Amino acid sequence: MDASMIDPKIIVKAAAAIGAGLAIGLGAIGSGIGIGNATGKFLEGISRQPETEGKMRTWFMLGAVLCETVTLYAFVIAIMLVLK
C-alpha cells in the first residue's frame, strides 16, 4: 500500500482521538495534583489551628471545585474532538 493512498480523513480522525486522550488525561492529572496538594495543606492547617476549620473549609471547597472545573473543560474538549 502506497503512502499516497491513505485517506486524509482517517489521519484527522486518528489525530483527534489522540488529542482527546491527551486532553482528558492531562486535565485529570492536573486536577488530581491540585486537589491532592490542596487537601494536604487544608489538613495541615486544621491540625495547626482547629478553630479555623469553618473558614478554611469554605476556601478549600472553592479551590476543589475550581480544580474539578479544569477536568470538566478537558472532558468537553475531548468529546468535541471525538465527535469531529
N, C-alpha and C. Protein backbone atom coordinates (compact mmCIF):
# COMPACT_ATOMS: atom_id res chain seq x y z
N MET A 1 0.84 -1.17 0.00
CA MET A 1 0.00 0.00 0.00
C MET A 1 0.89 1.24 0.00
N ASP A 2 0.65 2.11 -0.90
CA ASP A 2 1.43 3.33 -1.06
C ASP A 2 0.96 4.39 -0.06
N ALA A 3 1.87 5.22 0.41
CA ALA A 3 1.53 6.26 1.38
C ALA A 3 0.57 7.29 0.79
N SER A 4 0.56 7.44 -0.51
CA SER A 4 -0.33 8.42 -1.13
C SER A 4 -1.77 7.90 -1.19
N MET A 5 -1.99 6.64 -0.86
CA MET A 5 -3.33 6.06 -0.90
C MET A 5 -4.07 6.19 0.43
N ILE A 6 -3.41 6.70 1.47
CA ILE A 6 -4.05 6.85 2.77
C ILE A 6 -5.03 8.01 2.72
N ASP A 7 -6.23 7.75 3.19
CA ASP A 7 -7.28 8.77 3.19
C ASP A 7 -6.99 9.82 4.27
N PRO A 8 -6.98 11.10 3.93
CA PRO A 8 -6.70 12.15 4.92
C PRO A 8 -7.74 12.19 6.05
N LYS A 9 -8.95 11.74 5.78
CA LYS A 9 -9.98 11.74 6.82
C LYS A 9 -9.62 10.78 7.95
N ILE A 10 -8.97 9.69 7.60
CA ILE A 10 -8.56 8.72 8.61
C ILE A 10 -7.47 9.32 9.50
N ILE A 11 -6.56 10.06 8.89
CA ILE A 11 -5.49 10.69 9.66
C ILE A 11 -6.07 11.73 10.62
N VAL A 12 -7.06 12.50 10.15
CA VAL A 12 -7.69 13.51 11.01
C VAL A 12 -8.41 12.85 12.17
N LYS A 13 -9.13 11.75 11.92
CA LYS A 13 -9.83 11.06 13.00
C LYS A 13 -8.84 10.46 14.00
N ALA A 14 -7.75 9.92 13.53
CA ALA A 14 -6.74 9.36 14.43
C ALA A 14 -6.10 10.45 15.28
N ALA A 15 -5.78 11.58 14.66
CA ALA A 15 -5.20 12.69 15.41
C ALA A 15 -6.18 13.24 16.43
N ALA A 16 -7.47 13.30 16.08
CA ALA A 16 -8.49 13.76 17.02
C ALA A 16 -8.61 12.82 18.21
N ALA A 17 -8.53 11.52 17.96
CA ALA A 17 -8.60 10.54 19.05
C ALA A 17 -7.40 10.67 19.98
N ILE A 18 -6.22 10.85 19.42
CA ILE A 18 -5.03 11.04 20.24
C ILE A 18 -5.13 12.33 21.04
N GLY A 19 -5.59 13.39 20.39
CA GLY A 19 -5.75 14.67 21.08
C GLY A 19 -6.78 14.59 22.20
N ALA A 20 -7.87 13.85 21.97
CA ALA A 20 -8.89 13.70 23.01
C ALA A 20 -8.32 12.96 24.21
N GLY A 21 -7.55 11.91 23.95
CA GLY A 21 -6.94 11.17 25.05
C GLY A 21 -5.97 12.01 25.83
N LEU A 22 -5.17 12.79 25.14
CA LEU A 22 -4.22 13.68 25.83
C LEU A 22 -4.94 14.76 26.62
N ALA A 23 -6.02 15.31 26.05
CA ALA A 23 -6.75 16.38 26.74
C ALA A 23 -7.33 15.90 28.06
N ILE A 24 -8.02 14.78 28.03
CA ILE A 24 -8.65 14.31 29.27
C ILE A 24 -7.60 13.78 30.24
N GLY A 25 -6.56 13.15 29.72
CA GLY A 25 -5.51 12.62 30.60
C GLY A 25 -4.76 13.70 31.33
N LEU A 26 -4.30 14.70 30.60
CA LEU A 26 -3.55 15.79 31.24
C LEU A 26 -4.44 16.64 32.14
N GLY A 27 -5.69 16.82 31.72
CA GLY A 27 -6.62 17.58 32.56
C GLY A 27 -6.88 16.88 33.89
N ALA A 28 -7.05 15.56 33.84
CA ALA A 28 -7.31 14.80 35.06
C ALA A 28 -6.07 14.74 35.95
N ILE A 29 -4.91 14.61 35.35
CA ILE A 29 -3.68 14.58 36.15
C ILE A 29 -3.47 15.92 36.86
N GLY A 30 -3.69 17.00 36.13
CA GLY A 30 -3.53 18.32 36.74
C GLY A 30 -4.49 18.56 37.89
N SER A 31 -5.74 18.15 37.70
CA SER A 31 -6.72 18.31 38.78
C SER A 31 -6.39 17.44 39.97
N GLY A 32 -5.95 16.22 39.71
CA GLY A 32 -5.59 15.33 40.81
C GLY A 32 -4.46 15.88 41.64
N ILE A 33 -3.45 16.41 40.99
CA ILE A 33 -2.33 17.00 41.70
C ILE A 33 -2.78 18.23 42.49
N GLY A 34 -3.61 19.06 41.87
CA GLY A 34 -4.08 20.27 42.54
C GLY A 34 -4.93 19.97 43.76
N ILE A 35 -5.86 19.03 43.62
CA ILE A 35 -6.72 18.69 44.76
C ILE A 35 -5.91 17.98 45.84
N GLY A 36 -4.97 17.16 45.46
CA GLY A 36 -4.12 16.49 46.44
C GLY A 36 -3.31 17.48 47.26
N ASN A 37 -2.72 18.45 46.60
CA ASN A 37 -1.96 19.49 47.32
C ASN A 37 -2.87 20.31 48.23
N ALA A 38 -4.04 20.68 47.70
CA ALA A 38 -4.97 21.49 48.49
C ALA A 38 -5.46 20.73 49.73
N THR A 39 -5.75 19.44 49.55
CA THR A 39 -6.21 18.64 50.69
C THR A 39 -5.13 18.52 51.74
N GLY A 40 -3.91 18.30 51.31
CA GLY A 40 -2.80 18.21 52.26
C GLY A 40 -2.62 19.48 53.06
N LYS A 41 -2.66 20.60 52.37
CA LYS A 41 -2.48 21.88 53.06
C LYS A 41 -3.67 22.19 53.97
N PHE A 42 -4.87 21.81 53.52
CA PHE A 42 -6.07 22.01 54.33
C PHE A 42 -5.98 21.23 55.63
N LEU A 43 -5.61 19.97 55.55
CA LEU A 43 -5.48 19.15 56.76
C LEU A 43 -4.34 19.63 57.65
N GLU A 44 -3.27 20.10 57.03
CA GLU A 44 -2.16 20.65 57.80
C GLU A 44 -2.60 21.89 58.56
N GLY A 45 -3.36 22.74 57.90
CA GLY A 45 -3.84 23.95 58.55
C GLY A 45 -4.80 23.67 59.69
N ILE A 46 -5.68 22.67 59.50
CA ILE A 46 -6.63 22.32 60.55
C ILE A 46 -5.89 21.72 61.76
N SER A 47 -4.86 20.94 61.48
CA SER A 47 -4.13 20.34 62.60
C SER A 47 -3.37 21.39 63.40
N ARG A 48 -2.99 22.48 62.77
CA ARG A 48 -2.28 23.54 63.48
C ARG A 48 -3.22 24.45 64.25
N GLN A 49 -4.37 24.79 63.60
CA GLN A 49 -5.35 25.67 64.23
C GLN A 49 -6.75 25.12 64.01
N PRO A 50 -7.20 24.22 64.87
CA PRO A 50 -8.51 23.59 64.67
C PRO A 50 -9.68 24.57 64.69
N GLU A 51 -9.53 25.71 65.34
CA GLU A 51 -10.65 26.66 65.43
C GLU A 51 -10.94 27.36 64.11
N THR A 52 -10.04 27.30 63.15
CA THR A 52 -10.28 27.96 61.86
C THR A 52 -10.86 27.01 60.81
N GLU A 53 -11.31 25.83 61.24
CA GLU A 53 -11.79 24.83 60.28
C GLU A 53 -12.95 25.35 59.42
N GLY A 54 -13.88 26.07 60.02
CA GLY A 54 -15.05 26.56 59.27
C GLY A 54 -14.67 27.48 58.12
N LYS A 55 -13.80 28.43 58.38
CA LYS A 55 -13.36 29.37 57.35
C LYS A 55 -12.52 28.66 56.29
N MET A 56 -11.65 27.77 56.75
CA MET A 56 -10.77 27.08 55.80
C MET A 56 -11.54 26.12 54.91
N ARG A 57 -12.58 25.51 55.46
CA ARG A 57 -13.36 24.56 54.67
C ARG A 57 -14.01 25.25 53.47
N THR A 58 -14.51 26.45 53.66
CA THR A 58 -15.13 27.19 52.56
C THR A 58 -14.14 27.42 51.43
N TRP A 59 -12.95 27.87 51.77
CA TRP A 59 -11.94 28.15 50.75
C TRP A 59 -11.42 26.87 50.11
N PHE A 60 -11.33 25.80 50.92
CA PHE A 60 -10.90 24.51 50.37
C PHE A 60 -11.90 24.01 49.33
N MET A 61 -13.19 24.09 49.66
CA MET A 61 -14.21 23.63 48.72
C MET A 61 -14.20 24.46 47.44
N LEU A 62 -14.00 25.74 47.56
CA LEU A 62 -13.92 26.59 46.37
C LEU A 62 -12.73 26.19 45.50
N GLY A 63 -11.59 25.94 46.11
CA GLY A 63 -10.42 25.51 45.37
C GLY A 63 -10.62 24.15 44.72
N ALA A 64 -11.26 23.22 45.42
CA ALA A 64 -11.51 21.89 44.86
C ALA A 64 -12.46 21.97 43.67
N VAL A 65 -13.47 22.82 43.78
CA VAL A 65 -14.41 22.99 42.66
C VAL A 65 -13.70 23.57 41.44
N LEU A 66 -12.84 24.54 41.66
CA LEU A 66 -12.11 25.13 40.53
C LEU A 66 -11.17 24.12 39.89
N CYS A 67 -10.56 23.26 40.69
CA CYS A 67 -9.69 22.21 40.13
C CYS A 67 -10.50 21.22 39.31
N GLU A 68 -11.68 20.85 39.79
CA GLU A 68 -12.53 19.92 39.06
C GLU A 68 -13.06 20.54 37.77
N THR A 69 -13.21 21.85 37.76
CA THR A 69 -13.68 22.52 36.55
C THR A 69 -12.70 22.32 35.41
N VAL A 70 -11.42 22.29 35.71
CA VAL A 70 -10.40 22.04 34.68
C VAL A 70 -10.62 20.68 34.04
N THR A 71 -10.93 19.68 34.85
CA THR A 71 -11.19 18.35 34.32
C THR A 71 -12.43 18.33 33.45
N LEU A 72 -13.46 19.04 33.87
CA LEU A 72 -14.68 19.08 33.06
C LEU A 72 -14.45 19.77 31.72
N TYR A 73 -13.67 20.84 31.72
CA TYR A 73 -13.34 21.50 30.46
C TYR A 73 -12.55 20.56 29.55
N ALA A 74 -11.62 19.83 30.11
CA ALA A 74 -10.84 18.86 29.33
C ALA A 74 -11.76 17.78 28.77
N PHE A 75 -12.73 17.35 29.56
CA PHE A 75 -13.68 16.34 29.09
C PHE A 75 -14.52 16.86 27.93
N VAL A 76 -14.97 18.09 28.03
CA VAL A 76 -15.77 18.69 26.94
C VAL A 76 -14.94 18.80 25.67
N ILE A 77 -13.69 19.21 25.80
CA ILE A 77 -12.83 19.31 24.63
C ILE A 77 -12.58 17.94 24.03
N ALA A 78 -12.40 16.93 24.88
CA ALA A 78 -12.18 15.57 24.38
C ALA A 78 -13.41 15.06 23.61
N ILE A 79 -14.60 15.33 24.15
CA ILE A 79 -15.83 14.93 23.45
C ILE A 79 -15.96 15.65 22.12
N MET A 80 -15.63 16.94 22.10
CA MET A 80 -15.69 17.69 20.84
C MET A 80 -14.73 17.13 19.80
N LEU A 81 -13.55 16.71 20.25
CA LEU A 81 -12.56 16.15 19.32
C LEU A 81 -13.03 14.79 18.80
N VAL A 82 -13.60 13.97 19.65
CA VAL A 82 -14.03 12.64 19.22
C VAL A 82 -15.20 12.74 18.26
N LEU A 83 -16.09 13.69 18.49
CA LEU A 83 -17.27 13.82 17.64
C LEU A 83 -17.03 14.63 16.38
N LYS A 84 -15.82 15.09 16.17
CA LYS A 84 -15.49 15.89 14.98
C LYS A 84 -15.55 15.04 13.73
